[in-house]
PDB file of N, CA and C in Angstrom:
ATOM      1  N   UNK A   1      29.322  -7.363 -29.225  1.00  0.00           N
ATOM      2  CA  UNK A   1      28.336  -7.555 -28.255  1.00  0.00           C
ATOM      3  C   UNK A   1      28.997  -7.360 -26.848  1.00  0.00           C
ATOM      4  N   UNK A   2      28.221  -6.747 -25.920  1.00  0.00           N
ATOM      5  CA  UNK A   2      28.664  -6.482 -24.575  1.00  0.00           C
ATOM      6  C   UNK A   2      27.589  -7.048 -23.620  1.00  0.00           C
ATOM      7  N   UNK A   3      27.990  -7.359 -22.402  1.00  0.00           N
ATOM      8  CA  UNK A   3      27.152  -7.766 -21.315  1.00  0.00           C
ATOM      9  C   UNK A   3      26.975  -6.539 -20.426  1.00  0.00           C
ATOM     10  N   UNK A   4      25.722  -6.323 -19.953  1.00  0.00           N
ATOM     11  CA  UNK A   4      25.472  -5.202 -19.039  1.00  0.00           C
ATOM     12  C   UNK A   4      24.692  -5.734 -17.905  1.00  0.00           C
ATOM     13  N   UNK A   5      24.956  -5.159 -16.727  1.00  0.00           N
ATOM     14  CA  UNK A   5      24.108  -5.388 -15.520  1.00  0.00           C
ATOM     15  C   UNK A   5      23.810  -3.969 -14.973  1.00  0.00           C
ATOM     16  N   UNK A   6      22.462  -3.740 -14.745  1.00  0.00           N
ATOM     17  CA  UNK A   6      22.001  -2.511 -14.217  1.00  0.00           C
ATOM     18  C   UNK A   6      21.510  -2.834 -12.768  1.00  0.00           C
ATOM     19  N   UNK A   7      22.212  -2.223 -11.783  1.00  0.00           N
ATOM     20  CA  UNK A   7      21.931  -2.534 -10.436  1.00  0.00           C
ATOM     21  C   UNK A   7      21.536  -1.283  -9.681  1.00  0.00           C
ATOM     22  N   UNK A   8      20.538  -1.449  -8.741  1.00  0.00           N
ATOM     23  CA  UNK A   8      20.248  -0.458  -7.766  1.00  0.00           C
ATOM     24  C   UNK A   8      20.576  -0.930  -6.471  1.00  0.00           C
ATOM     25  N   UNK A   9      20.506  -0.145  -5.397  1.00  0.00           N
ATOM     26  CA  UNK A   9      20.710  -0.699  -4.076  1.00  0.00           C
ATOM     27  C   UNK A   9      19.807  -1.852  -3.663  1.00  0.00           C
ATOM     28  N   UNK A  10      18.670  -1.895  -4.331  1.00  0.00           N
ATOM     29  CA  UNK A  10      17.660  -2.952  -3.905  1.00  0.00           C
ATOM     30  C   UNK A  10      17.680  -4.180  -4.771  1.00  0.00           C
ATOM     31  N   UNK A  11      17.960  -4.037  -6.077  1.00  0.00           N
ATOM     32  CA  UNK A  11      17.809  -5.151  -7.041  1.00  0.00           C
ATOM     33  C   UNK A  11      18.579  -4.957  -8.293  1.00  0.00           C
ATOM     34  N   UNK A  12      18.553  -6.043  -9.084  1.00  0.00           N
ATOM     35  CA  UNK A  12      19.192  -6.012 -10.401  1.00  0.00           C
ATOM     36  C   UNK A  12      17.957  -5.655 -11.352  1.00  0.00           C
ATOM     37  N   UNK A  13      18.066  -4.595 -12.136  1.00  0.00           N
ATOM     38  CA  UNK A  13      16.962  -4.099 -12.953  1.00  0.00           C
ATOM     39  C   UNK A  13      17.092  -4.728 -14.331  1.00  0.00           C
ATOM     40  N   UNK A  14      18.347  -4.951 -14.851  1.00  0.00           N
ATOM     41  CA  UNK A  14      18.433  -5.600 -16.151  1.00  0.00           C
ATOM     42  C   UNK A  14      19.795  -6.260 -16.192  1.00  0.00           C
ATOM     43  N   UNK A  15      19.797  -7.403 -16.929  1.00  0.00           N
ATOM     44  CA  UNK A  15      21.011  -8.114 -17.208  1.00  0.00           C
ATOM     45  C   UNK A  15      20.947  -8.776 -18.582  1.00  0.00           C
ATOM     46  N   UNK A  16      21.929  -8.602 -19.451  1.00  0.00           N
ATOM     47  CA  UNK A  16      21.913  -9.247 -20.728  1.00  0.00           C
ATOM     48  C   UNK A  16      22.896  -8.644 -21.706  1.00  0.00           C
ATOM     49  N   UNK A  17      22.757  -9.088 -22.915  1.00  0.00           N
ATOM     50  CA  UNK A  17      23.723  -8.635 -24.036  1.00  0.00           C
ATOM     51  C   UNK A  17      23.128  -7.384 -24.698  1.00  0.00           C
ATOM     52  N   UNK A  18      24.060  -6.478 -24.980  1.00  0.00           N
ATOM     53  CA  UNK A  18      23.612  -5.250 -25.655  1.00  0.00           C
ATOM     54  C   UNK A  18      24.545  -4.890 -26.797  1.00  0.00           C
ATOM     55  N   UNK A  19      24.089  -4.144 -27.701  1.00  0.00           N
ATOM     56  CA  UNK A  19      24.997  -3.566 -28.782  1.00  0.00           C
ATOM     57  C   UNK A  19      25.567  -2.256 -28.343  1.00  0.00           C
ATOM     58  N   UNK A  20      24.732  -1.348 -27.608  1.00  0.00           N
ATOM     59  CA  UNK A  20      25.302  -0.125 -27.164  1.00  0.00           C
ATOM     60  C   UNK A  20      24.469   0.348 -25.969  1.00  0.00           C
ATOM     61  N   UNK A  21      25.069   1.375 -25.234  1.00  0.00           N
ATOM     62  CA  UNK A  21      24.327   2.000 -24.219  1.00  0.00           C
ATOM     63  C   UNK A  21      24.762   3.472 -24.142  1.00  0.00           C
ATOM     64  N   UNK A  22      23.744   4.337 -23.982  1.00  0.00           N
ATOM     65  CA  UNK A  22      24.027   5.808 -23.947  1.00  0.00           C
ATOM     66  C   UNK A  22      23.690   6.252 -22.466  1.00  0.00           C
ATOM     67  N   UNK A  23      24.544   6.948 -21.894  1.00  0.00           N
ATOM     68  CA  UNK A  23      24.328   7.375 -20.447  1.00  0.00           C
ATOM     69  C   UNK A  23      24.550   8.872 -20.259  1.00  0.00           C
ATOM     70  N   UNK A  24      23.948   9.474 -19.167  1.00  0.00           N
ATOM     71  CA  UNK A  24      24.101  10.838 -18.889  1.00  0.00           C
ATOM     72  C   UNK A  24      25.317  11.089 -17.979  1.00  0.00           C
ATOM     73  N   UNK A  25      26.474  11.252 -18.537  1.00  0.00           N
ATOM     74  CA  UNK A  25      27.718  11.549 -17.722  1.00  0.00           C
ATOM     75  C   UNK A  25      27.651  12.916 -17.079  1.00  0.00           C
ATOM     76  N   UNK A  26      28.387  13.138 -16.093  1.00  0.00           N
ATOM     77  CA  UNK A  26      28.355  14.472 -15.414  1.00  0.00           C
ATOM     78  C   UNK A  26      28.863  15.616 -16.286  1.00  0.00           C
ATOM     79  N   UNK A  27      29.653  15.266 -17.331  1.00  0.00           N
ATOM     80  CA  UNK A  27      30.122  16.244 -18.269  1.00  0.00           C
ATOM     81  C   UNK A  27      29.399  16.170 -19.608  1.00  0.00           C
ATOM     82  N   UNK A  28      28.319  15.409 -19.662  1.00  0.00           N
ATOM     83  CA  UNK A  28      27.552  15.313 -20.833  1.00  0.00           C
ATOM     84  C   UNK A  28      27.290  13.826 -21.203  1.00  0.00           C
ATOM     85  N   UNK A  29      26.377  13.665 -22.125  1.00  0.00           N
ATOM     86  CA  UNK A  29      25.982  12.316 -22.484  1.00  0.00           C
ATOM     87  C   UNK A  29      27.024  11.660 -23.305  1.00  0.00           C
ATOM     88  N   UNK A  30      27.287  10.315 -23.110  1.00  0.00           N
ATOM     89  CA  UNK A  30      28.189   9.596 -23.916  1.00  0.00           C
ATOM     90  C   UNK A  30      27.696   8.170 -24.214  1.00  0.00           C
ATOM     91  N   UNK A  31      28.328   7.533 -25.234  1.00  0.00           N
ATOM     92  CA  UNK A  31      27.868   6.197 -25.647  1.00  0.00           C
ATOM     93  C   UNK A  31      28.967   5.200 -25.482  1.00  0.00           C
ATOM     94  N   UNK A  32      28.597   3.978 -25.068  1.00  0.00           N
ATOM     95  CA  UNK A  32      29.594   2.900 -24.981  1.00  0.00           C
ATOM     96  C   UNK A  32      29.184   1.885 -26.088  1.00  0.00           C
ATOM     97  N   UNK A  33      30.217   1.469 -26.856  1.00  0.00           N
ATOM     98  CA  UNK A  33      30.110   0.542 -27.875  1.00  0.00           C
ATOM     99  C   UNK A  33      31.051  -0.645 -27.583  1.00  0.00           C
ATOM    100  N   UNK A  34      30.917  -1.733 -28.316  1.00  0.00           N
ATOM    101  CA  UNK A  34      31.851  -2.868 -28.193  1.00  0.00           C
ATOM    102  C   UNK A  34      33.371  -2.453 -28.225  1.00  0.00           C
ATOM    103  N   UNK A  35      34.165  -3.093 -27.324  1.00  0.00           N
ATOM    104  CA  UNK A  35      35.601  -2.830 -27.298  1.00  0.00           C
ATOM    105  C   UNK A  35      35.989  -1.366 -26.793  1.00  0.00           C
ATOM    106  N   UNK A  36      35.070  -0.813 -26.062  1.00  0.00           N
ATOM    107  CA  UNK A  36      35.323   0.485 -25.509  1.00  0.00           C
ATOM    108  C   UNK A  36      36.453   0.408 -24.517  1.00  0.00           C
ATOM    109  N   UNK A  37      37.314   1.469 -24.430  1.00  0.00           N
ATOM    110  CA  UNK A  37      38.393   1.469 -23.417  1.00  0.00           C
ATOM    111  C   UNK A  37      37.806   1.358 -21.994  1.00  0.00           C
ATOM    112  N   UNK A  38      38.556   0.827 -21.106  1.00  0.00           N
ATOM    113  CA  UNK A  38      38.137   0.763 -19.652  1.00  0.00           C
ATOM    114  C   UNK A  38      37.795   2.119 -19.187  1.00  0.00           C
ATOM    115  N   UNK A  39      36.766   2.258 -18.418  1.00  0.00           N
ATOM    116  CA  UNK A  39      36.323   3.566 -17.876  1.00  0.00           C
ATOM    117  C   UNK A  39      35.459   3.373 -16.688  1.00  0.00           C
ATOM    118  N   UNK A  40      35.646   4.322 -15.797  1.00  0.00           N
ATOM    119  CA  UNK A  40      34.751   4.458 -14.587  1.00  0.00           C
ATOM    120  C   UNK A  40      34.289   5.898 -14.570  1.00  0.00           C
ATOM    121  N   UNK A  41      33.015   6.166 -14.514  1.00  0.00           N
ATOM    122  CA  UNK A  41      32.566   7.580 -14.607  1.00  0.00           C
ATOM    123  C   UNK A  41      31.266   7.708 -13.722  1.00  0.00           C
ATOM    124  N   UNK A  42      31.134   8.932 -13.162  1.00  0.00           N
ATOM    125  CA  UNK A  42      29.964   9.270 -12.435  1.00  0.00           C
ATOM    126  C   UNK A  42      28.890   9.629 -13.437  1.00  0.00           C
ATOM    127  N   UNK A  43      27.601   9.348 -13.091  1.00  0.00           N
ATOM    128  CA  UNK A  43      26.457   9.659 -13.968  1.00  0.00           C
ATOM    129  C   UNK A  43      25.584  10.664 -13.254  1.00  0.00           C
ATOM    130  N   UNK A  44      24.985  11.590 -14.082  1.00  0.00           N
ATOM    131  CA  UNK A  44      24.017  12.594 -13.607  1.00  0.00           C
ATOM    132  C   UNK A  44      22.621  11.959 -13.795  1.00  0.00           C
ATOM    133  N   UNK A  45      21.653  12.696 -13.319  1.00  0.00           N
ATOM    134  CA  UNK A  45      20.258  12.328 -13.531  1.00  0.00           C
ATOM    135  C   UNK A  45      20.021  12.543 -15.017  1.00  0.00           C
ATOM    136  N   UNK A  46      19.187  11.577 -15.537  1.00  0.00           N
ATOM    137  CA  UNK A  46      18.831  11.657 -16.995  1.00  0.00           C
ATOM    138  C   UNK A  46      18.510  10.278 -17.542  1.00  0.00           C
ATOM    139  N   UNK A  47      18.458  10.208 -18.864  1.00  0.00           N
ATOM    140  CA  UNK A  47      18.024   8.960 -19.588  1.00  0.00           C
ATOM    141  C   UNK A  47      19.208   8.105 -19.923  1.00  0.00           C
ATOM    142  N   UNK A  48      18.947   6.785 -19.731  1.00  0.00           N
ATOM    143  CA  UNK A  48      19.861   5.719 -20.187  1.00  0.00           C
ATOM    144  C   UNK A  48      19.115   4.999 -21.309  1.00  0.00           C
ATOM    145  N   UNK A  49      19.790   4.752 -22.461  1.00  0.00           N
ATOM    146  CA  UNK A  49      19.209   4.093 -23.589  1.00  0.00           C
ATOM    147  C   UNK A  49      20.148   2.937 -23.992  1.00  0.00           C
ATOM    148  N   UNK A  50      19.583   1.772 -24.056  1.00  0.00           N
ATOM    149  CA  UNK A  50      20.338   0.580 -24.535  1.00  0.00           C
ATOM    150  C   UNK A  50      19.655  -0.007 -25.742  1.00  0.00           C
ATOM    151  N   UNK A  51      20.438  -0.717 -26.564  1.00  0.00           N
ATOM    152  CA  UNK A  51      19.928  -1.466 -27.659  1.00  0.00           C
ATOM    153  C   UNK A  51      20.367  -2.940 -27.514  1.00  0.00           C
ATOM    154  N   UNK A  52      19.417  -3.864 -27.360  1.00  0.00           N
ATOM    155  CA  UNK A  52      19.742  -5.244 -27.040  1.00  0.00           C
ATOM    156  C   UNK A  52      20.415  -5.941 -28.180  1.00  0.00           C
ATOM    157  N   UNK A  53      21.254  -6.914 -27.904  1.00  0.00           N
ATOM    158  CA  UNK A  53      21.923  -7.688 -28.841  1.00  0.00           C
ATOM    159  C   UNK A  53      21.260  -9.084 -28.890  1.00  0.00           C
ATOM    160  N   UNK A  54      21.704  -9.939 -29.812  1.00  0.00           N
ATOM    161  CA  UNK A  54      21.207 -11.347 -29.881  1.00  0.00           C
ATOM    162  C   UNK A  54      21.400 -12.061 -28.567  1.00  0.00           C
ATOM    163  N   UNK A  55      20.407 -12.750 -28.137  1.00  0.00           N
ATOM    164  CA  UNK A  55      20.443 -13.519 -26.926  1.00  0.00           C
ATOM    165  C   UNK A  55      19.382 -13.106 -25.942  1.00  0.00           C
ATOM    166  N   UNK A  56      19.257 -13.863 -24.928  1.00  0.00           N
ATOM    167  CA  UNK A  56      18.290 -13.580 -23.801  1.00  0.00           C
ATOM    168  C   UNK A  56      18.775 -12.429 -22.911  1.00  0.00           C
ATOM    169  N   UNK A  57      17.780 -11.709 -22.334  1.00  0.00           N
ATOM    170  CA  UNK A  57      18.125 -10.716 -21.282  1.00  0.00           C
ATOM    171  C   UNK A  57      17.066 -10.913 -20.241  1.00  0.00           C
ATOM    172  N   UNK A  58      17.447 -10.468 -19.006  1.00  0.00           N
ATOM    173  CA  UNK A  58      16.517 -10.531 -17.857  1.00  0.00           C
ATOM    174  C   UNK A  58      16.280  -9.156 -17.410  1.00  0.00           C
ATOM    175  N   UNK A  59      15.072  -8.894 -16.930  1.00  0.00           N
ATOM    176  CA  UNK A  59      14.706  -7.568 -16.418  1.00  0.00           C
ATOM    177  C   UNK A  59      13.706  -7.635 -15.335  1.00  0.00           C
ATOM    178  N   UNK A  60      13.746  -6.653 -14.383  1.00  0.00           N
ATOM    179  CA  UNK A  60      12.845  -6.600 -13.339  1.00  0.00           C
ATOM    180  C   UNK A  60      11.526  -5.944 -13.848  1.00  0.00           C
ATOM    181  N   UNK A  61      10.404  -6.666 -13.702  1.00  0.00           N
ATOM    182  CA  UNK A  61       9.074  -6.106 -14.101  1.00  0.00           C
ATOM    183  C   UNK A  61       8.472  -5.427 -12.833  1.00  0.00           C
ATOM    184  N   UNK A  62       8.376  -4.127 -12.841  1.00  0.00           N
ATOM    185  CA  UNK A  62       7.851  -3.454 -11.657  1.00  0.00           C
ATOM    186  C   UNK A  62       6.357  -3.723 -11.433  1.00  0.00           C
ATOM    187  N   UNK A  63       5.632  -3.994 -12.511  1.00  0.00           N
ATOM    188  CA  UNK A  63       4.202  -4.350 -12.363  1.00  0.00           C
ATOM    189  C   UNK A  63       3.963  -5.572 -11.467  1.00  0.00           C
ATOM    190  N   UNK A  64       4.702  -6.592 -11.837  1.00  0.00           N
ATOM    191  CA  UNK A  64       4.518  -7.911 -11.127  1.00  0.00           C
ATOM    192  C   UNK A  64       5.467  -8.085  -9.955  1.00  0.00           C
ATOM    193  N   UNK A  65       6.572  -7.352 -10.003  1.00  0.00           N
ATOM    194  CA  UNK A  65       7.635  -7.517  -8.941  1.00  0.00           C
ATOM    195  C   UNK A  65       8.474  -8.755  -9.209  1.00  0.00           C
ATOM    196  N   UNK A  66       8.463  -9.285 -10.423  1.00  0.00           N
ATOM    197  CA  UNK A  66       9.220 -10.470 -10.792  1.00  0.00           C
ATOM    198  C   UNK A  66      10.272 -10.237 -11.806  1.00  0.00           C
ATOM    199  N   UNK A  67      11.208 -11.170 -11.880  1.00  0.00           N
ATOM    200  CA  UNK A  67      12.245 -11.050 -12.898  1.00  0.00           C
ATOM    201  C   UNK A  67      11.711 -11.805 -14.159  1.00  0.00           C
ATOM    202  N   UNK A  68      11.747 -11.157 -15.296  1.00  0.00           N
ATOM    203  CA  UNK A  68      11.245 -11.711 -16.540  1.00  0.00           C
ATOM    204  C   UNK A  68      12.314 -11.857 -17.608  1.00  0.00           C
ATOM    205  N   UNK A  69      12.084 -12.556 -18.627  1.00  0.00           N
ATOM    206  CA  UNK A  69      13.113 -12.820 -19.671  1.00  0.00           C
ATOM    207  C   UNK A  69      12.579 -12.332 -21.003  1.00  0.00           C
ATOM    208  N   UNK A  70      13.463 -11.797 -21.786  1.00  0.00           N
ATOM    209  CA  UNK A  70      13.117 -11.367 -23.157  1.00  0.00           C
ATOM    210  C   UNK A  70      14.263 -11.789 -24.031  1.00  0.00           C
ATOM    211  N   UNK A  71      14.000 -11.698 -25.388  1.00  0.00           N
ATOM    212  CA  UNK A  71      15.010 -12.154 -26.348  1.00  0.00           C
ATOM    213  C   UNK A  71      14.940 -11.370 -27.663  1.00  0.00           C
ATOM    214  N   UNK A  72      14.353 -10.178 -27.630  1.00  0.00           N
ATOM    215  CA  UNK A  72      14.218  -9.417 -28.889  1.00  0.00           C
ATOM    216  C   UNK A  72      15.535  -8.694 -29.190  1.00  0.00           C
ATOM    217  N   UNK A  73      16.052  -8.933 -30.293  1.00  0.00           N
ATOM    218  CA  UNK A  73      17.337  -8.372 -30.794  1.00  0.00           C
ATOM    219  C   UNK A  73      16.987  -6.931 -31.321  1.00  0.00           C
ATOM    220  N   UNK A  74      17.822  -5.942 -31.009  1.00  0.00           N
ATOM    221  CA  UNK A  74      17.604  -4.596 -31.541  1.00  0.00           C
ATOM    222  C   UNK A  74      16.548  -3.801 -30.827  1.00  0.00           C
ATOM    223  N   UNK A  75      16.097  -4.325 -29.688  1.00  0.00           N
ATOM    224  CA  UNK A  75      15.087  -3.562 -28.862  1.00  0.00           C
ATOM    225  C   UNK A  75      15.719  -2.424 -28.178  1.00  0.00           C
ATOM    226  N   UNK A  76      15.092  -1.248 -28.250  1.00  0.00           N
ATOM    227  CA  UNK A  76      15.578  -0.107 -27.638  1.00  0.00           C
ATOM    228  C   UNK A  76      14.855   0.081 -26.213  1.00  0.00           C
ATOM    229  N   UNK A  77      15.695   0.068 -25.201  1.00  0.00           N
ATOM    230  CA  UNK A  77      15.183   0.149 -23.833  1.00  0.00           C
ATOM    231  C   UNK A  77      15.665   1.422 -23.199  1.00  0.00           C
ATOM    232  N   UNK A  78      14.692   2.139 -22.654  1.00  0.00           N
ATOM    233  CA  UNK A  78      15.038   3.510 -22.075  1.00  0.00           C
ATOM    234  C   UNK A  78      14.493   3.599 -20.649  1.00  0.00           C
ATOM    235  N   UNK A  79      15.307   4.114 -19.851  1.00  0.00           N
ATOM    236  CA  UNK A  79      14.866   4.426 -18.408  1.00  0.00           C
ATOM    237  C   UNK A  79      15.564   5.651 -17.934  1.00  0.00           C
ATOM    238  N   UNK A  80      14.967   6.252 -16.881  1.00  0.00           N
ATOM    239  CA  UNK A  80      15.541   7.432 -16.274  1.00  0.00           C
ATOM    240  C   UNK A  80      16.212   7.002 -15.006  1.00  0.00           C
ATOM    241  N   UNK A  81      17.360   7.660 -14.648  1.00  0.00           N
ATOM    242  CA  UNK A  81      18.014   7.451 -13.381  1.00  0.00           C
ATOM    243  C   UNK A  81      18.162   8.792 -12.677  1.00  0.00           C
ATOM    244  N   UNK A  82      18.385   8.696 -11.301  1.00  0.00           N
ATOM    245  CA  UNK A  82      18.616   9.924 -10.551  1.00  0.00           C
ATOM    246  C   UNK A  82      20.119  10.150 -10.398  1.00  0.00           C
ATOM    247  N   UNK A  83      20.953   9.217 -10.979  1.00  0.00           N
ATOM    248  CA  UNK A  83      22.410   9.344 -10.831  1.00  0.00           C
ATOM    249  C   UNK A  83      23.001   7.973 -10.554  1.00  0.00           C
ATOM    250  N   UNK A  84      24.357   7.991 -10.592  1.00  0.00           N
ATOM    251  CA  UNK A  84      25.030   6.688 -10.295  1.00  0.00           C
ATOM    252  C   UNK A  84      26.414   6.666 -10.905  1.00  0.00           C
ATOM    253  N   UNK A  85      26.850   5.455 -11.198  1.00  0.00           N
ATOM    254  CA  UNK A  85      28.242   5.278 -11.775  1.00  0.00           C
ATOM    255  C   UNK A  85      28.142   4.201 -12.894  1.00  0.00           C
ATOM    256  N   UNK A  86      29.144   4.299 -13.798  1.00  0.00           N
ATOM    257  CA  UNK A  86      29.251   3.322 -14.822  1.00  0.00           C
ATOM    258  C   UNK A  86      30.665   2.743 -14.808  1.00  0.00           C
ATOM    259  N   UNK A  87      30.819   1.477 -15.020  1.00  0.00           N
ATOM    260  CA  UNK A  87      32.214   0.857 -15.121  1.00  0.00           C
ATOM    261  C   UNK A  87      32.166  -0.035 -16.399  1.00  0.00           C
ATOM    262  N   UNK A  88      33.195   0.181 -17.255  1.00  0.00           N
ATOM    263  CA  UNK A  88      33.323  -0.650 -18.455  1.00  0.00           C
ATOM    264  C   UNK A  88      34.682  -1.261 -18.455  1.00  0.00           C
ATOM    265  N   UNK A  89      34.698  -2.632 -18.587  1.00  0.00           N
ATOM    266  CA  UNK A  89      36.000  -3.402 -18.594  1.00  0.00           C
ATOM    267  C   UNK A  89      35.780  -4.616 -19.405  1.00  0.00           C
ATOM    268  N   UNK A  90      36.525  -4.696 -20.488  1.00  0.00           N
ATOM    269  CA  UNK A  90      36.525  -5.919 -21.393  1.00  0.00           C
ATOM    270  C   UNK A  90      35.079  -6.283 -21.835  1.00  0.00           C
ATOM    271  N   UNK A  91      34.326  -5.352 -22.332  1.00  0.00           N
ATOM    272  CA  UNK A  91      33.004  -5.555 -22.867  1.00  0.00           C
ATOM    273  C   UNK A  91      31.980  -5.940 -21.814  1.00  0.00           C
ATOM    274  N   UNK A  92      32.312  -5.768 -20.572  1.00  0.00           N
ATOM    275  CA  UNK A  92      31.396  -5.869 -19.464  1.00  0.00           C
ATOM    276  C   UNK A  92      31.080  -4.559 -18.875  1.00  0.00           C
ATOM    277  N   UNK A  93      29.729  -4.180 -18.860  1.00  0.00           N
ATOM    278  CA  UNK A  93      29.368  -2.903 -18.346  1.00  0.00           C
ATOM    279  C   UNK A  93      28.556  -3.074 -17.102  1.00  0.00           C
ATOM    280  N   UNK A  94      28.815  -2.276 -16.065  1.00  0.00           N
ATOM    281  CA  UNK A  94      28.095  -2.308 -14.866  1.00  0.00           C
ATOM    282  C   UNK A  94      27.602  -0.913 -14.670  1.00  0.00           C
ATOM    283  N   UNK A  95      26.278  -0.784 -14.516  1.00  0.00           N
ATOM    284  CA  UNK A  95      25.634   0.496 -14.178  1.00  0.00           C
ATOM    285  C   UNK A  95      25.123   0.352 -12.777  1.00  0.00           C
ATOM    286  N   UNK A  96      25.629   1.216 -11.890  1.00  0.00           N
ATOM    287  CA  UNK A  96      25.194   1.262 -10.514  1.00  0.00           C
ATOM    288  C   UNK A  96      24.450   2.508 -10.286  1.00  0.00           C
ATOM    289  N   UNK A  97      23.143   2.433 -10.224  1.00  0.00           N
ATOM    290  CA  UNK A  97      22.275   3.591 -10.314  1.00  0.00           C
ATOM    291  C   UNK A  97      21.267   3.684  -9.175  1.00  0.00           C
ATOM    292  N   UNK A  98      20.668   4.825  -9.013  1.00  0.00           N
ATOM    293  CA  UNK A  98      19.606   5.015  -8.093  1.00  0.00           C
ATOM    294  C   UNK A  98      18.460   5.744  -8.720  1.00  0.00           C
ATOM    295  N   UNK A  99      17.288   5.640  -8.167  1.00  0.00           N
ATOM    296  CA  UNK A  99      16.100   6.308  -8.651  1.00  0.00           C
ATOM    297  C   UNK A  99      15.710   5.897 -10.077  1.00  0.00           C
ATOM    298  N   UNK A 100      15.638   4.612 -10.387  1.00  0.00           N
ATOM    299  CA  UNK A 100      15.344   4.097 -11.693  1.00  0.00           C
ATOM    300  C   UNK A 100      13.898   4.147 -11.974  1.00  0.00           C
ATOM    301  N   UNK A 101      13.490   4.734 -13.143  1.00  0.00           N
ATOM    302  CA  UNK A 101      12.126   4.775 -13.626  1.00  0.00           C
ATOM    303  C   UNK A 101      12.172   4.253 -15.090  1.00  0.00           C
ATOM    304  N   UNK A 102      11.602   3.072 -15.246  1.00  0.00           N
ATOM    305  CA  UNK A 102      11.615   2.472 -16.623  1.00  0.00           C
ATOM    306  C   UNK A 102      10.580   3.226 -17.522  1.00  0.00           C
ATOM    307  N   UNK A 103      11.036   3.684 -18.619  1.00  0.00           N
ATOM    308  CA  UNK A 103      10.173   4.381 -19.576  1.00  0.00           C
ATOM    309  C   UNK A 103       9.596   3.444 -20.666  1.00  0.00           C
ATOM    310  N   UNK A 104      10.415   2.529 -21.135  1.00  0.00           N
ATOM    311  CA  UNK A 104       9.963   1.452 -21.999  1.00  0.00           C
ATOM    312  C   UNK A 104      10.862   0.237 -21.934  1.00  0.00           C
ATOM    313  N   UNK A 105      10.210  -0.890 -21.902  1.00  0.00           N
ATOM    314  CA  UNK A 105      11.008  -2.161 -21.828  1.00  0.00           C
ATOM    315  C   UNK A 105      10.283  -3.199 -22.614  1.00  0.00           C
TER     316      UNK A 105
END
């Protein structure tokens, strides 16, 4: 299990425990799993897909403009980004992105 925070310049879009995350790297798509080696990478425009792990997660609900909580394990969450960066260190993942468009949450 890993913790992830998805941040834009304006707000935190998602925070919680995940099993995996797939991101659009500038040299191609790649996936981060538990115990991944430390990495910092630039991200291209494209889709980010995460699978939630056991436990609560928080997300920004664009319809209401509020932070909401979910707890569904194994939920696939997909959103599009216009680019950004990813940092992975000791099972903590930080996605610093811009132009987020949530496709399903």
